[in-house]
Amino acid sequence: MIGKAAGHTCMGRGGAWRVGNFLVPGMILIAGMVLTLVVWQVVRQHESSKSRVEFELLLHHITDAIQDRLKANEQVLRGAVGLFSANTQVGRDVTRAEFKAFVAALRLNERYPGIQGVGFSRLITPAQLADHLLAIRADGFPEYALRPPGERRHYSSIVYLEPFDWRNQRAFGYDMYSEPVRQRAMERAWKSGAAALSGRVILLQETDKDVQPGILMYLPVYQSGTTPTGEERRLDELIGWAYSPLRMKDMMSSLLERDIPHTVGRIAFTIYDGENADPAALLFSNEDSDKGEASRFHASRKIEIAGQPWFLTATALPGLGEPTRCCEFNGHPDGRLGYQSAAGLPQHEPVTQFCTSRSCG
């Protein structure tokens, strides 16, 4: 009996030893798998966090680039306002040849791609209309007429628009103040004395091919050369508006190519006129239906440019997070400073470097 009991005890110890041989390695294996899963999850979250940082920074670059481009357009118009103001101060008007030379010196296609032209629209009272028509016809345009016809309290007319090519000639003589969207921006400009951007329009320069949404920017021109105090005096001294028409697709395509090429393939965006994503108010989009993994990140922004609200939506593209050939981030050799603060991110967080027009050769 004792021997049998001892035998059973021996067998029990041997079985336990054998189970132990498998249990310890099994526990190590399971622990290793769990650790691997945890590490993978941490790495995945870290990569997702980095991608989110990149997404926010690229969106910041896009909004900055749009505002910078339109601010440059405003500076062009300020030059035109200065031209008219200087001539008014000495009691003369700007001639067509002078205005043509002024715009030619700007080299719009080279320096400001997307601007369809620079023009001047004159304010005309009903009492001045007959003399105005005679003056323009005597200037070499015998068929000149104000469009659209009809009696109005105030008239305006596009008398100068350079380059005076076939597209811009379609706008010659048009009364922009007769059209509600344009009128709101023109009125906002002369009342405030500041630049005003119009809502979405189809420009007169458009044909039946490649029709694009358009916008217009206006700056008032006053007789005194400065902005008078009070709306009544501003209207009394208003000569007209320096303005520029912009085709949105042309402007944004040049912006993507020249200023923010590092965003292409990484983030897609859509711009709407107004304060929400109204399809009828679409200004520009480089999004398409095939976004792949684009659903990872989405964002929207409200921006205001020269008094006009825009609504921008953005979506991440599969190229987000891929490395680029860069030497610095946004002109800063550290590559981690500046925009992290703008994105609300900790300064010590490492950030993927992005390619900008200033940082890549």
Protein backbone atom coordinates (compact mmCIF):
# COMPACT_ATOMS: atom_id res chain seq x y z
CA MET A 1 0.00 0.00 0.00
CA ILE A 2 2.79 2.34 0.91
CA GLY A 3 4.63 1.50 -2.32
CA LYS A 4 1.56 2.09 -4.40
CA ALA A 5 0.98 5.37 -2.68
CA ALA A 6 4.54 6.33 -3.26
CA GLY A 7 4.23 5.39 -6.90
CA HIS A 8 1.19 7.54 -7.31
CA THR A 9 2.96 10.40 -5.61
CA CYS A 10 5.89 10.02 -7.95
CA MET A 11 3.64 10.00 -10.97
CA GLY A 12 1.83 13.09 -9.72
CA ARG A 13 5.10 14.93 -9.32
CA GLY A 14 6.22 13.85 -12.77
CA GLY A 15 2.96 14.97 -14.32
CA ALA A 16 3.20 18.31 -12.59
CA TRP A 17 6.78 18.67 -13.78
CA ARG A 18 5.70 17.96 -17.35
CA VAL A 19 2.81 20.45 -17.10
CA GLY A 20 5.19 23.01 -15.70
CA ASN A 21 7.51 22.49 -18.65
CA PHE A 22 4.70 23.62 -20.97
CA LEU A 23 3.01 26.16 -18.72
CA VAL A 24 5.98 28.50 -18.23
CA PRO A 25 6.89 28.76 -21.93
CA GLY A 26 3.18 29.13 -22.76
CA MET A 27 2.81 31.97 -20.32
CA ILE A 28 5.93 33.61 -21.75
CA LEU A 29 4.52 33.20 -25.27
CA ILE A 30 1.17 34.67 -24.27
CA ALA A 31 2.87 37.53 -22.44
CA GLY A 32 5.02 38.19 -25.50
CA MET A 33 1.95 38.23 -27.77
CA VAL A 34 0.14 40.60 -25.43
CA LEU A 35 3.20 42.84 -25.23
CA THR A 36 3.53 42.81 -29.02
CA LEU A 37 -0.14 43.73 -29.36
CA VAL A 38 0.24 46.56 -26.86
CA VAL A 39 3.38 47.87 -28.58
CA TRP A 40 1.66 47.64 -31.98
CA GLN A 41 -1.32 49.55 -30.64
CA VAL A 42 0.93 52.23 -29.12
CA VAL A 43 2.87 52.57 -32.38
CA ARG A 44 -0.37 52.71 -34.36
CA GLN A 45 -1.75 55.43 -32.11
CA HIS A 46 1.53 57.32 -32.35
CA GLU A 47 1.51 57.12 -36.14
CA SER A 48 -2.12 58.20 -36.19
CA SER A 49 -1.27 61.12 -33.92
CA LYS A 50 1.59 62.14 -36.22
CA SER A 51 -0.70 61.91 -39.24
CA ARG A 52 -3.28 64.03 -37.47
CA VAL A 53 -0.62 66.63 -36.72
CA GLU A 54 0.43 66.64 -40.37
CA PHE A 55 -3.19 66.94 -41.50
CA GLU A 56 -3.81 69.96 -39.27
CA LEU A 57 -0.59 71.64 -40.37
CA LEU A 58 -1.30 71.13 -44.06
CA LEU A 59 -4.77 72.57 -43.60
CA HIS A 60 -3.15 75.54 -41.87
CA HIS A 61 -0.79 75.96 -44.85
CA ILE A 62 -3.74 75.93 -47.27
CA THR A 63 -5.74 78.61 -45.45
CA ASP A 64 -2.62 80.75 -45.03
CA ALA A 65 -1.75 80.43 -48.72
CA ILE A 66 -5.25 81.42 -49.82
CA GLN A 67 -5.26 84.48 -47.57
CA ASP A 68 -1.74 85.46 -48.64
CA ARG A 69 -2.62 85.22 -52.34
CA LEU A 70 -5.71 87.40 -51.98
CA LYS A 71 -3.79 89.83 -49.80
CA ALA A 72 -1.28 90.15 -52.63
CA ASN A 73 -4.18 90.84 -54.97
CA GLU A 74 -5.32 93.62 -52.64
CA GLN A 75 -1.86 95.19 -52.78
CA VAL A 76 -2.05 95.22 -56.58
CA LEU A 77 -5.33 97.13 -56.35
CA ARG A 78 -3.82 99.58 -53.88
CA GLY A 79 -1.29 100.44 -56.54
CA ALA A 80 -4.10 101.15 -58.99
CA VAL A 81 -5.88 103.32 -56.39
CA GLY A 82 -2.65 105.26 -55.93
CA LEU A 83 -2.40 105.83 -59.68
CA PHE A 84 -5.88 107.34 -59.87
CA SER A 85 -5.53 109.31 -56.65
CA ALA A 86 -2.24 110.88 -57.75
CA ASN A 87 -3.71 112.00 -61.04
CA THR A 88 -6.89 113.32 -59.44
CA GLN A 89 -4.81 115.46 -57.08
CA VAL A 90 -3.33 117.33 -60.06
CA GLY A 91 -6.70 117.70 -61.80
CA ARG A 92 -6.32 115.12 -64.56
CA ASP A 93 -7.63 111.67 -65.34
CA VAL A 94 -5.66 108.51 -65.96
CA THR A 95 -5.44 107.82 -69.68
CA ARG A 96 -6.05 104.43 -71.23
CA ALA A 97 -2.40 104.22 -72.29
CA GLU A 98 -1.19 105.02 -68.77
CA PHE A 99 -3.41 102.39 -67.23
CA LYS A 100 -2.28 99.82 -69.77
CA ALA A 101 1.38 100.57 -69.00
CA PHE A 102 0.72 100.34 -65.26
CA VAL A 103 -0.87 96.89 -65.48
CA ALA A 104 1.72 95.62 -67.97
CA ALA A 105 4.46 96.50 -65.47
CA LEU A 106 2.77 94.27 -62.87
CA ARG A 107 3.38 91.14 -65.04
CA LEU A 108 0.21 89.54 -63.73
CA ASN A 109 0.64 86.12 -65.37
CA GLU A 110 4.11 85.77 -63.90
CA ARG A 111 3.68 87.30 -60.46
CA TYR A 112 -0.03 86.92 -59.75
CA PRO A 113 -1.39 83.89 -61.62
CA GLY A 114 -5.14 83.52 -61.33
CA ILE A 115 -5.91 87.25 -61.53
CA GLN A 116 -7.90 87.71 -64.71
CA GLY A 117 -6.96 91.37 -64.90
CA VAL A 118 -6.94 94.73 -63.15
CA GLY A 119 -9.62 97.24 -63.96
CA PHE A 120 -11.33 100.47 -63.06
CA SER A 121 -15.08 100.90 -62.83
CA ARG A 122 -16.28 104.48 -62.82
CA LEU A 123 -19.23 105.72 -60.76
CA ILE A 124 -21.68 107.65 -62.94
CA THR A 125 -24.72 109.66 -61.87
CA PRO A 126 -27.74 109.94 -64.18
CA ALA A 127 -26.77 113.58 -64.87
CA GLN A 128 -23.27 112.46 -66.00
CA LEU A 129 -24.37 109.55 -68.20
CA ALA A 130 -24.71 111.37 -71.54
CA ASP A 131 -21.31 113.07 -71.26
CA HIS A 132 -19.75 109.78 -70.17
CA LEU A 133 -21.02 107.97 -73.26
CA LEU A 134 -19.72 110.73 -75.55
CA ALA A 135 -16.28 110.71 -73.89
CA ILE A 136 -15.75 106.95 -74.23
CA ARG A 137 -16.99 106.92 -77.82
CA ALA A 138 -14.58 109.75 -78.65
CA ASP A 139 -11.79 107.66 -77.08
CA GLY A 140 -11.98 105.16 -79.95
CA PHE A 141 -15.07 103.09 -79.10
CA PRO A 142 -17.90 104.48 -81.28
CA GLU A 143 -20.24 101.59 -80.42
CA TYR A 144 -19.76 101.94 -76.67
CA ALA A 145 -22.89 101.62 -74.55
CA LEU A 146 -23.57 101.01 -70.90
CA ARG A 147 -24.88 97.52 -70.10
CA PRO A 148 -27.50 96.61 -69.06
CA PRO A 149 -29.71 99.45 -70.31
CA GLY A 150 -32.32 101.10 -68.10
CA GLU A 151 -32.70 103.90 -65.59
CA ARG A 152 -30.99 103.56 -62.21
CA ARG A 153 -30.09 105.78 -59.28
CA HIS A 154 -26.38 105.05 -59.71
CA TYR A 155 -24.47 103.66 -62.67
CA SER A 156 -21.02 102.19 -62.91
CA SER A 157 -19.04 101.21 -65.95
CA ILE A 158 -15.93 99.12 -66.54
CA VAL A 159 -13.92 101.65 -68.53
CA TYR A 160 -10.44 100.15 -68.05
CA LEU A 161 -9.58 96.47 -67.81
CA GLU A 162 -6.12 95.17 -68.62
CA PRO A 163 -4.92 93.09 -70.27
CA PHE A 164 -7.59 94.14 -72.77
CA ASP A 165 -7.74 90.70 -74.39
CA TRP A 166 -10.77 88.98 -75.89
CA ARG A 167 -11.98 87.71 -72.52
CA ASN A 168 -11.77 91.07 -70.78
CA GLN A 169 -13.29 92.93 -73.72
CA ARG A 170 -16.51 91.04 -72.94
CA ALA A 171 -16.76 93.02 -69.68
CA PHE A 172 -16.08 96.47 -71.20
CA GLY A 173 -18.96 98.87 -70.45
CA TYR A 174 -20.71 96.58 -67.97
CA ASP A 175 -22.46 98.15 -64.99
CA MET A 176 -21.40 95.90 -62.11
CA TYR A 177 -23.45 98.00 -59.68
CA SER A 178 -26.59 96.75 -61.42
CA GLU A 179 -25.95 93.14 -60.32
CA PRO A 180 -26.84 92.35 -56.68
CA VAL A 181 -23.83 90.17 -55.71
CA ARG A 182 -21.31 92.60 -57.16
CA GLN A 183 -23.21 95.60 -55.82
CA ARG A 184 -23.06 94.30 -52.24
CA ALA A 185 -19.27 94.08 -52.41
CA MET A 186 -18.89 97.46 -54.16
CA GLU A 187 -21.13 99.09 -51.58
CA ARG A 188 -19.24 97.46 -48.73
CA ALA A 189 -16.00 98.79 -50.21
CA TRP A 190 -17.00 102.44 -50.57
CA LYS A 191 -18.78 102.52 -47.22
CA SER A 192 -15.82 101.06 -45.34
CA GLY A 193 -12.97 102.43 -47.43
CA ALA A 194 -11.44 98.94 -47.36
CA ALA A 195 -11.05 96.05 -49.78
CA ALA A 196 -14.19 93.99 -50.31
CA LEU A 197 -14.49 90.55 -51.88
CA SER A 198 -17.66 89.61 -53.73
CA GLY A 199 -19.65 86.44 -53.39
CA ARG A 200 -19.62 83.71 -56.03
CA VAL A 201 -20.41 84.88 -59.56
CA ILE A 202 -19.93 83.71 -63.11
CA LEU A 203 -17.63 86.29 -64.66
CA LEU A 204 -18.55 88.05 -67.89
CA GLN A 205 -15.25 86.75 -69.27
CA GLU A 206 -16.59 83.17 -69.27
CA THR A 207 -17.66 81.42 -72.45
CA ASP A 208 -19.44 78.09 -72.89
CA LYS A 209 -16.17 76.18 -72.34
CA ASP A 210 -14.40 75.55 -69.03
CA VAL A 211 -16.83 77.74 -67.11
CA GLN A 212 -15.47 78.47 -63.63
CA PRO A 213 -16.89 80.13 -60.53
CA GLY A 214 -15.46 83.59 -60.11
CA ILE A 215 -15.01 86.29 -57.49
CA LEU A 216 -14.15 89.99 -57.64
CA MET A 217 -12.18 92.21 -55.29
CA TYR A 218 -12.89 95.94 -55.03
CA LEU A 219 -11.11 98.94 -53.55
CA PRO A 220 -12.76 102.39 -53.61
CA VAL A 221 -11.11 105.38 -55.25
CA TYR A 222 -11.90 108.75 -53.67
CA GLN A 223 -11.18 112.24 -55.02
CA SER A 224 -9.18 113.22 -51.96
CA GLY A 225 -6.87 110.22 -52.22
CA THR A 226 -7.72 109.24 -48.65
CA THR A 227 -10.80 107.71 -47.06
CA PRO A 228 -13.22 110.50 -46.07
CA THR A 229 -14.96 110.40 -42.71
CA GLY A 230 -18.61 109.36 -42.79
CA GLU A 231 -20.58 107.48 -45.44
CA GLU A 232 -22.15 110.62 -46.93
CA ARG A 233 -18.76 112.20 -47.66
CA ARG A 234 -17.41 108.89 -48.95
CA LEU A 235 -20.18 108.63 -51.50
CA ASP A 236 -19.77 112.31 -52.50
CA GLU A 237 -16.03 111.82 -53.11
CA LEU A 238 -16.28 108.37 -54.69
CA ILE A 239 -14.83 108.28 -58.22
CA GLY A 240 -15.11 104.56 -58.75
CA TRP A 241 -13.45 101.26 -57.88
CA ALA A 242 -10.17 99.60 -58.70
CA TYR A 243 -11.04 95.95 -59.04
CA SER A 244 -9.88 92.57 -60.23
CA PRO A 245 -11.83 89.53 -61.44
CA LEU A 246 -10.49 86.12 -60.44
CA ARG A 247 -11.32 82.72 -61.89
CA MET A 248 -11.25 80.35 -58.92
CA LYS A 249 -10.00 77.22 -60.66
CA ASP A 250 -7.15 79.12 -62.32
CA MET A 251 -6.17 80.84 -59.09
CA MET A 252 -6.29 77.70 -56.93
CA SER A 253 -4.49 75.55 -59.51
CA SER A 254 -1.59 78.02 -59.58
CA LEU A 255 -1.63 78.18 -55.78
CA LEU A 256 -1.35 74.39 -55.50
CA GLU A 257 1.42 74.26 -58.07
CA ARG A 258 3.52 77.20 -56.92
CA ASP A 259 2.84 77.80 -53.22
CA ILE A 260 1.59 74.59 -51.59
CA PRO A 261 2.66 71.65 -53.80
CA HIS A 262 3.43 69.63 -50.65
CA THR A 263 -0.31 69.32 -49.96
CA VAL A 264 -1.09 67.52 -53.22
CA GLY A 265 -1.89 63.85 -52.69
CA ARG A 266 -1.99 64.33 -48.92
CA ILE A 267 -5.04 66.48 -48.34
CA ALA A 268 -8.00 67.42 -50.53
CA PHE A 269 -10.18 70.43 -49.87
CA THR A 270 -13.30 72.22 -51.04
CA ILE A 271 -14.15 75.91 -50.75
CA TYR A 272 -17.70 77.25 -50.54
CA ASP A 273 -18.86 80.84 -50.64
CA GLY A 274 -20.66 81.65 -47.39
CA GLU A 275 -20.75 80.04 -43.97
CA ASN A 276 -21.68 76.45 -44.78
CA ALA A 277 -21.12 73.69 -47.31
CA ASP A 278 -23.82 74.66 -49.79
CA PRO A 279 -23.25 72.84 -53.12
CA ALA A 280 -24.79 75.79 -54.98
CA ALA A 281 -22.07 78.03 -53.50
CA LEU A 282 -19.12 75.84 -54.57
CA LEU A 283 -16.05 77.88 -55.45
CA PHE A 284 -13.37 75.21 -55.84
CA SER A 285 -12.67 71.58 -55.07
CA ASN A 286 -9.81 69.18 -55.72
CA GLU A 287 -11.62 66.28 -54.06
CA ASP A 288 -12.95 63.31 -56.00
CA SER A 289 -15.02 60.24 -55.21
CA ASP A 290 -11.99 57.91 -55.01
CA LYS A 291 -10.45 58.92 -51.67
CA GLY A 292 -9.14 55.51 -50.59
CA GLU A 293 -8.34 55.81 -46.88
CA ALA A 294 -9.37 59.45 -46.85
CA SER A 295 -11.98 58.89 -44.17
CA ARG A 296 -9.27 58.89 -41.48
CA PHE A 297 -9.46 62.65 -40.93
CA HIS A 298 -11.93 65.37 -41.82
CA ALA A 299 -12.03 69.02 -40.84
CA SER A 300 -13.78 72.26 -41.69
CA ARG A 301 -12.80 75.88 -41.29
CA LYS A 302 -14.54 79.24 -41.56
CA ILE A 303 -12.35 81.98 -42.93
CA GLU A 304 -13.09 85.58 -43.86
CA ILE A 305 -11.35 87.36 -46.71
CA ALA A 306 -11.93 91.07 -47.30
CA GLY A 307 -15.25 90.86 -45.48
CA GLN A 308 -16.54 87.80 -47.33
CA PRO A 309 -17.00 84.51 -45.42
CA TRP A 310 -15.78 81.23 -46.92
CA PHE A 311 -16.33 77.70 -45.66
CA LEU A 312 -13.54 75.20 -46.26
CA THR A 313 -13.77 71.43 -45.82
CA ALA A 314 -10.75 69.12 -45.95
CA THR A 315 -10.18 65.37 -46.13
CA ALA A 316 -7.02 63.33 -45.62
CA LEU A 317 -5.71 61.37 -48.60
CA PRO A 318 -3.73 58.10 -48.61
CA GLY A 319 -0.47 60.00 -49.19
CA LEU A 320 -0.73 61.64 -45.77
CA GLY A 321 2.22 60.59 -43.61
CA GLU A 322 4.48 59.56 -46.48
CA PRO A 323 7.98 61.08 -46.34
CA THR A 324 8.96 63.93 -48.65
CA ARG A 325 12.29 65.24 -49.85
CA CYS A 326 12.73 68.26 -47.61
CA CYS A 327 15.42 70.21 -45.89
CA GLU A 328 13.29 72.23 -43.50
CA PHE A 329 9.74 72.70 -42.30
CA ASN A 330 8.04 75.95 -43.28
CA GLY A 331 11.37 77.72 -43.49
CA HIS A 332 12.40 76.75 -39.95
CA PRO A 333 15.52 74.55 -39.77
CA ASP A 334 14.29 72.83 -36.61
CA GLY A 335 11.38 71.39 -38.52
CA ARG A 336 9.30 71.04 -35.36
CA LEU A 337 8.58 74.57 -34.24
CA GLY A 338 6.08 77.22 -35.22
CA TYR A 339 3.05 75.42 -36.55
CA GLN A 340 2.85 72.97 -33.65
CA SER A 341 1.81 75.84 -31.45
CA ALA A 342 -0.71 76.96 -34.09
CA ALA A 343 -2.15 73.45 -34.15
CA GLY A 344 -2.40 73.35 -30.37
CA LEU A 345 0.24 70.63 -30.05
CA PRO A 346 3.10 70.22 -27.56
CA GLN A 347 6.39 71.67 -28.77
CA HIS A 348 8.38 68.54 -27.92
CA GLU A 349 6.24 66.25 -30.09
CA PRO A 350 8.25 65.13 -33.15
CA VAL A 351 6.60 66.05 -36.42
CA THR A 352 7.10 64.70 -39.91
CA GLN A 353 8.78 67.32 -42.07
CA PHE A 354 6.72 68.61 -44.96
CA CYS A 355 7.75 69.93 -48.30
CA THR A 356 7.11 73.61 -48.92
CA SER A 357 7.89 75.80 -51.87
CA ARG A 358 10.60 77.46 -49.78
CA SER A 359 12.22 74.33 -48.46
CA CYS A 360 12.70 72.06 -51.42
CA GLY A 361 14.92 72.46 -54.40
